Structure formats: structure tokens, C-alpha cells
Amino acid sequence: MMIHSVMASFPTRWIARVNSAGSTFNIIALIIVIILIPAACDRTAHGLSKFNPSAEVWGNIYQGTAWPDGVSVLMSFVSVIWTMSGYDRYVLSNRVRLSASSS
């Protein structure tokens, strides 16, 4: 929390640089993970098919909470909402900074 407090007091330009570096790292890490997960798949060595059937992937809902299935699916979007709103905050602050400096 202290790190976040200190970073929030930085000038917008510094925050934009940290955000750019973090976004670049995330995209590179995502590409690496997208390549490595299928490459490291050893399901066939365990006597399983290489991929799960479509009915299992899209038809079965893992019940990780005591809520009904529909609410569980909606709750799965919460992390995405938090991530995107956090990213949008820096984009908006940079846009405001740029429009203020140009006028």
C-alpha cells in the first residue's frame, strides 16, 4: 500500500512511463504464455485427448462459490472489470494531461 501511495504522488508523466513499461511487459508475457501452454501440454502422455471436448469446456460450470451458477459466471468477470478500470484510469489521466498541456 505504501508503494501505491508513493506512486500515486508521482507526476503523471512518470506514471505514464511506468504504465507503458508494465503494459509492454504484460503483452510480452501474454504472448509467451500463449505459446508455452499448448507447447507444454502433456495430456496425451497420460492417456487423455489433446483437447477437452467442446461440451465440457462450454457446458460445465465449476462451482467455486455457494452462489447459483449464473451469479458465479457474473462473478468471474469482476477481476477483468478491476483490471480494465485500473488501466483506463492511467489512459484517462494521460489524455487529460495532454489536452491540458496543448491548450
N, C-alpha and C. Protein backbone atom coordinates (compact mmCIF):
# COMPACT_ATOMS: atom_id res chain seq x y z
N MET A 1 0.81 -1.18 0.00
CA MET A 1 0.00 0.00 0.00
C MET A 1 0.87 1.26 0.00
N MET A 2 1.99 1.16 0.65
CA MET A 2 2.89 2.32 0.68
C MET A 2 3.44 2.60 -0.73
N ILE A 3 3.76 1.53 -1.45
CA ILE A 3 4.27 1.72 -2.81
C ILE A 3 3.22 2.39 -3.68
N HIS A 4 1.97 1.96 -3.54
CA HIS A 4 0.89 2.57 -4.32
C HIS A 4 0.71 4.03 -3.93
N SER A 5 0.83 4.34 -2.66
CA SER A 5 0.70 5.73 -2.21
C SER A 5 1.80 6.60 -2.79
N VAL A 6 3.01 6.08 -2.77
CA VAL A 6 4.13 6.85 -3.32
C VAL A 6 3.95 7.02 -4.82
N MET A 7 3.58 5.94 -5.52
CA MET A 7 3.41 6.04 -6.97
C MET A 7 2.28 6.99 -7.35
N ALA A 8 1.23 7.05 -6.54
CA ALA A 8 0.11 7.94 -6.84
C ALA A 8 0.52 9.40 -6.71
N SER A 9 1.58 9.68 -5.96
CA SER A 9 2.03 11.06 -5.81
C SER A 9 3.03 11.48 -6.88
N PHE A 10 3.44 10.54 -7.75
CA PHE A 10 4.36 10.86 -8.83
C PHE A 10 3.68 11.76 -9.85
N PRO A 11 4.47 12.51 -10.61
CA PRO A 11 3.90 13.27 -11.73
C PRO A 11 3.27 12.31 -12.75
N THR A 12 2.31 12.80 -13.47
CA THR A 12 1.58 11.98 -14.43
C THR A 12 2.51 11.39 -15.49
N ARG A 13 3.53 12.13 -15.89
CA ARG A 13 4.46 11.64 -16.90
C ARG A 13 5.19 10.40 -16.40
N TRP A 14 5.58 10.35 -15.14
CA TRP A 14 6.26 9.18 -14.58
C TRP A 14 5.31 7.99 -14.53
N ILE A 15 4.08 8.26 -14.10
CA ILE A 15 3.08 7.19 -14.04
C ILE A 15 2.83 6.63 -15.44
N ALA A 16 2.80 7.50 -16.43
CA ALA A 16 2.59 7.06 -17.81
C ALA A 16 3.75 6.16 -18.27
N ARG A 17 4.97 6.48 -17.88
CA ARG A 17 6.12 5.64 -18.24
C ARG A 17 6.04 4.28 -17.57
N VAL A 18 5.69 4.28 -16.28
CA VAL A 18 5.54 3.01 -15.56
C VAL A 18 4.42 2.19 -16.21
N ASN A 19 3.33 2.85 -16.58
CA ASN A 19 2.21 2.16 -17.22
C ASN A 19 2.62 1.60 -18.57
N SER A 20 3.39 2.34 -19.34
CA SER A 20 3.85 1.84 -20.64
C SER A 20 4.76 0.64 -20.47
N ALA A 21 5.66 0.70 -19.51
CA ALA A 21 6.56 -0.43 -19.27
C ALA A 21 5.77 -1.65 -18.79
N GLY A 22 4.83 -1.43 -17.89
CA GLY A 22 4.01 -2.53 -17.39
C GLY A 22 3.15 -3.15 -18.48
N SER A 23 2.57 -2.31 -19.32
CA SER A 23 1.74 -2.82 -20.42
C SER A 23 2.58 -3.62 -21.42
N THR A 24 3.77 -3.12 -21.73
CA THR A 24 4.65 -3.84 -22.64
C THR A 24 5.04 -5.19 -22.06
N PHE A 25 5.40 -5.21 -20.77
CA PHE A 25 5.74 -6.47 -20.12
C PHE A 25 4.57 -7.44 -20.14
N ASN A 26 3.37 -6.94 -19.86
CA ASN A 26 2.18 -7.80 -19.85
C ASN A 26 1.90 -8.40 -21.22
N ILE A 27 2.04 -7.63 -22.27
CA ILE A 27 1.79 -8.14 -23.62
C ILE A 27 2.83 -9.20 -23.99
N ILE A 28 4.10 -8.94 -23.67
CA ILE A 28 5.15 -9.93 -23.96
C ILE A 28 4.91 -11.20 -23.16
N ALA A 29 4.57 -11.06 -21.86
CA ALA A 29 4.31 -12.23 -21.02
C ALA A 29 3.10 -13.00 -21.54
N LEU A 30 2.07 -12.31 -22.00
CA LEU A 30 0.89 -12.96 -22.54
C LEU A 30 1.23 -13.79 -23.78
N ILE A 31 2.03 -13.22 -24.66
CA ILE A 31 2.43 -13.95 -25.87
C ILE A 31 3.24 -15.19 -25.50
N ILE A 32 4.15 -15.05 -24.52
CA ILE A 32 4.94 -16.20 -24.08
C ILE A 32 4.05 -17.29 -23.50
N VAL A 33 3.09 -16.90 -22.68
CA VAL A 33 2.19 -17.88 -22.05
C VAL A 33 1.32 -18.56 -23.10
N ILE A 34 0.84 -17.79 -24.08
CA ILE A 34 0.00 -18.37 -25.14
C ILE A 34 0.79 -19.41 -25.93
N ILE A 35 2.08 -19.21 -26.08
CA ILE A 35 2.91 -20.19 -26.79
C ILE A 35 3.26 -21.37 -25.88
N LEU A 36 3.60 -21.11 -24.63
CA LEU A 36 4.09 -22.17 -23.74
C LEU A 36 3.02 -23.15 -23.26
N ILE A 37 1.80 -22.68 -23.03
CA ILE A 37 0.77 -23.59 -22.51
C ILE A 37 0.47 -24.72 -23.50
N PRO A 38 0.19 -24.44 -24.77
CA PRO A 38 -0.01 -25.58 -25.68
C PRO A 38 1.26 -26.41 -25.89
N ALA A 39 2.42 -25.76 -25.87
CA ALA A 39 3.67 -26.50 -26.09
C ALA A 39 3.97 -27.45 -24.94
N ALA A 40 3.59 -27.07 -23.74
CA ALA A 40 3.89 -27.90 -22.56
C ALA A 40 2.78 -28.90 -22.25
N CYS A 41 1.76 -28.96 -23.08
CA CYS A 41 0.64 -29.87 -22.84
C CYS A 41 1.10 -31.32 -22.99
N ASP A 42 0.98 -32.08 -21.91
CA ASP A 42 1.37 -33.49 -21.95
C ASP A 42 0.19 -34.41 -21.62
N ARG A 43 -0.99 -33.98 -22.01
CA ARG A 43 -2.19 -34.78 -21.74
C ARG A 43 -2.15 -36.12 -22.44
N THR A 44 -1.58 -36.15 -23.63
CA THR A 44 -1.54 -37.42 -24.37
C THR A 44 -0.63 -38.44 -23.69
N ALA A 45 0.38 -37.96 -22.95
CA ALA A 45 1.26 -38.87 -22.21
C ALA A 45 0.52 -39.55 -21.06
N HIS A 46 -0.58 -38.95 -20.62
CA HIS A 46 -1.39 -39.50 -19.52
C HIS A 46 -2.61 -40.26 -20.06
N GLY A 47 -2.65 -40.49 -21.35
CA GLY A 47 -3.76 -41.23 -21.94
C GLY A 47 -5.01 -40.41 -22.18
N LEU A 48 -4.89 -39.09 -22.13
CA LEU A 48 -6.04 -38.20 -22.37
C LEU A 48 -5.96 -37.64 -23.77
N SER A 49 -7.09 -37.12 -24.26
CA SER A 49 -7.07 -36.46 -25.56
C SER A 49 -6.32 -35.14 -25.43
N LYS A 50 -5.82 -34.63 -26.55
CA LYS A 50 -5.04 -33.39 -26.51
C LYS A 50 -5.88 -32.21 -26.03
N PHE A 51 -7.16 -32.19 -26.41
CA PHE A 51 -8.04 -31.10 -26.02
C PHE A 51 -9.28 -31.66 -25.34
N ASN A 52 -9.89 -30.86 -24.47
CA ASN A 52 -11.16 -31.24 -23.85
C ASN A 52 -12.27 -31.10 -24.88
N PRO A 53 -13.32 -31.93 -24.77
CA PRO A 53 -14.46 -31.78 -25.68
C PRO A 53 -15.14 -30.42 -25.49
N SER A 54 -15.70 -29.91 -26.56
CA SER A 54 -16.35 -28.60 -26.53
C SER A 54 -17.50 -28.56 -25.52
N ALA A 55 -18.24 -29.66 -25.40
CA ALA A 55 -19.36 -29.69 -24.45
C ALA A 55 -18.86 -29.53 -23.02
N GLU A 56 -17.69 -30.07 -22.73
CA GLU A 56 -17.14 -29.92 -21.38
C GLU A 56 -16.63 -28.51 -21.12
N VAL A 57 -16.00 -27.93 -22.13
CA VAL A 57 -15.44 -26.58 -21.98
C VAL A 57 -16.54 -25.54 -21.80
N TRP A 58 -17.58 -25.60 -22.64
CA TRP A 58 -18.61 -24.57 -22.63
C TRP A 58 -19.85 -24.98 -21.84
N GLY A 59 -19.97 -26.24 -21.48
CA GLY A 59 -21.18 -26.70 -20.81
C GLY A 59 -21.07 -26.90 -19.32
N ASN A 60 -19.87 -27.12 -18.81
CA ASN A 60 -19.70 -27.35 -17.38
C ASN A 60 -19.23 -26.08 -16.69
N ILE A 61 -19.89 -25.71 -15.61
CA ILE A 61 -19.51 -24.54 -14.83
C ILE A 61 -18.94 -25.03 -13.52
N TYR A 62 -17.70 -24.64 -13.24
CA TYR A 62 -17.07 -25.02 -11.97
C TYR A 62 -17.72 -24.20 -10.86
N GLN A 63 -18.29 -24.88 -9.91
CA GLN A 63 -18.99 -24.21 -8.82
C GLN A 63 -17.99 -23.93 -7.70
N GLY A 64 -17.39 -22.75 -7.74
CA GLY A 64 -16.39 -22.37 -6.74
C GLY A 64 -16.96 -21.55 -5.60
N THR A 65 -18.25 -21.25 -5.66
CA THR A 65 -18.89 -20.47 -4.61
C THR A 65 -20.21 -21.13 -4.23
N ALA A 66 -20.85 -20.57 -3.23
CA ALA A 66 -22.15 -21.09 -2.82
C ALA A 66 -23.29 -20.43 -3.61
N TRP A 67 -22.95 -19.52 -4.51
CA TRP A 67 -23.94 -18.81 -5.30
C TRP A 67 -24.44 -19.71 -6.43
N PRO A 68 -25.60 -19.38 -7.01
CA PRO A 68 -26.08 -20.14 -8.17
C PRO A 68 -25.12 -19.98 -9.37
N ASP A 69 -25.26 -20.88 -10.35
CA ASP A 69 -24.35 -20.88 -11.50
C ASP A 69 -24.30 -19.54 -12.22
N GLY A 70 -25.43 -18.92 -12.45
CA GLY A 70 -25.46 -17.65 -13.19
C GLY A 70 -24.70 -16.55 -12.47
N VAL A 71 -24.84 -16.48 -11.15
CA VAL A 71 -24.12 -15.47 -10.38
C VAL A 71 -22.63 -15.79 -10.37
N SER A 72 -22.27 -17.07 -10.33
CA SER A 72 -20.86 -17.46 -10.37
C SER A 72 -20.21 -17.00 -11.68
N VAL A 73 -20.93 -17.14 -12.78
CA VAL A 73 -20.39 -16.69 -14.07
C VAL A 73 -20.20 -15.17 -14.05
N LEU A 74 -21.18 -14.44 -13.53
CA LEU A 74 -21.05 -12.98 -13.45
C LEU A 74 -19.88 -12.58 -12.54
N MET A 75 -19.68 -13.32 -11.45
CA MET A 75 -18.58 -13.01 -10.54
C MET A 75 -17.23 -13.25 -11.19
N SER A 76 -17.17 -14.10 -12.19
CA SER A 76 -15.90 -14.36 -12.86
C SER A 76 -15.42 -13.15 -13.66
N PHE A 77 -16.32 -12.22 -13.97
CA PHE A 77 -15.94 -11.03 -14.71
C PHE A 77 -15.38 -9.93 -13.83
N VAL A 78 -15.46 -10.07 -12.51
CA VAL A 78 -15.04 -9.00 -11.59
C VAL A 78 -13.56 -8.67 -11.76
N SER A 79 -12.70 -9.68 -11.86
CA SER A 79 -11.27 -9.41 -11.99
C SER A 79 -10.96 -8.67 -13.29
N VAL A 80 -11.68 -9.00 -14.35
CA VAL A 80 -11.48 -8.31 -15.62
C VAL A 80 -11.91 -6.85 -15.50
N ILE A 81 -13.02 -6.62 -14.82
CA ILE A 81 -13.51 -5.24 -14.64
C ILE A 81 -12.50 -4.43 -13.85
N TRP A 82 -11.96 -4.99 -12.77
CA TRP A 82 -10.97 -4.28 -11.96
C TRP A 82 -9.72 -3.99 -12.78
N THR A 83 -9.27 -4.95 -13.56
CA THR A 83 -8.06 -4.76 -14.36
C THR A 83 -8.28 -3.66 -15.39
N MET A 84 -9.37 -3.72 -16.12
CA MET A 84 -9.61 -2.74 -17.18
C MET A 84 -9.88 -1.34 -16.63
N SER A 85 -10.56 -1.24 -15.49
CA SER A 85 -10.81 0.08 -14.93
C SER A 85 -9.51 0.68 -14.39
N GLY A 86 -8.61 -0.15 -13.87
CA GLY A 86 -7.32 0.36 -13.43
C GLY A 86 -6.49 0.84 -14.60
N TYR A 87 -6.52 0.11 -15.71
CA TYR A 87 -5.79 0.53 -16.90
C TYR A 87 -6.39 1.81 -17.47
N ASP A 88 -7.70 1.88 -17.47
CA ASP A 88 -8.37 3.04 -18.04
C ASP A 88 -8.07 4.31 -17.26
N ARG A 89 -7.82 4.18 -15.97
CA ARG A 89 -7.53 5.34 -15.14
C ARG A 89 -6.28 6.05 -15.65
N TYR A 90 -5.23 5.29 -15.97
CA TYR A 90 -3.99 5.91 -16.45
C TYR A 90 -4.16 6.47 -17.85
N VAL A 91 -4.91 5.80 -18.68
CA VAL A 91 -5.16 6.31 -20.02
C VAL A 91 -5.91 7.63 -19.94
N LEU A 92 -6.91 7.69 -19.09
CA LEU A 92 -7.69 8.92 -18.94
C LEU A 92 -6.83 10.04 -18.37
N SER A 93 -6.01 9.76 -17.35
CA SER A 93 -5.18 10.81 -16.78
C SER A 93 -4.16 11.32 -17.79
N ASN A 94 -3.64 10.44 -18.63
CA ASN A 94 -2.70 10.88 -19.67
C ASN A 94 -3.41 11.74 -20.71
N ARG A 95 -4.62 11.35 -21.06
CA ARG A 95 -5.39 12.13 -22.04
C ARG A 95 -5.69 13.52 -21.49
N VAL A 96 -6.04 13.59 -20.21
CA VAL A 96 -6.34 14.89 -19.59
C VAL A 96 -5.09 15.74 -19.55
N ARG A 97 -3.96 15.11 -19.20
CA ARG A 97 -2.70 15.84 -19.13
C ARG A 97 -2.32 16.40 -20.50
N LEU A 98 -2.46 15.58 -21.54
CA LEU A 98 -2.09 16.03 -22.88
C LEU A 98 -3.00 17.15 -23.37
N SER A 99 -4.29 17.03 -23.10
CA SER A 99 -5.20 18.09 -23.54
C SER A 99 -4.99 19.37 -22.75
N ALA A 100 -4.57 19.27 -21.48
CA ALA A 100 -4.31 20.47 -20.69
C ALA A 100 -3.03 21.14 -21.13
N SER A 101 -2.03 20.38 -21.54
CA SER A 101 -0.77 20.98 -21.96
C SER A 101 -0.85 21.58 -23.36
N SER A 102 -1.80 21.11 -24.18
CA SER A 102 -1.92 21.64 -25.53
C SER A 102 -2.80 22.88 -25.63
N SER A 103 -3.56 23.15 -24.58
CA SER A 103 -4.43 24.33 -24.64
C SER A 103 -3.86 25.50 -23.87
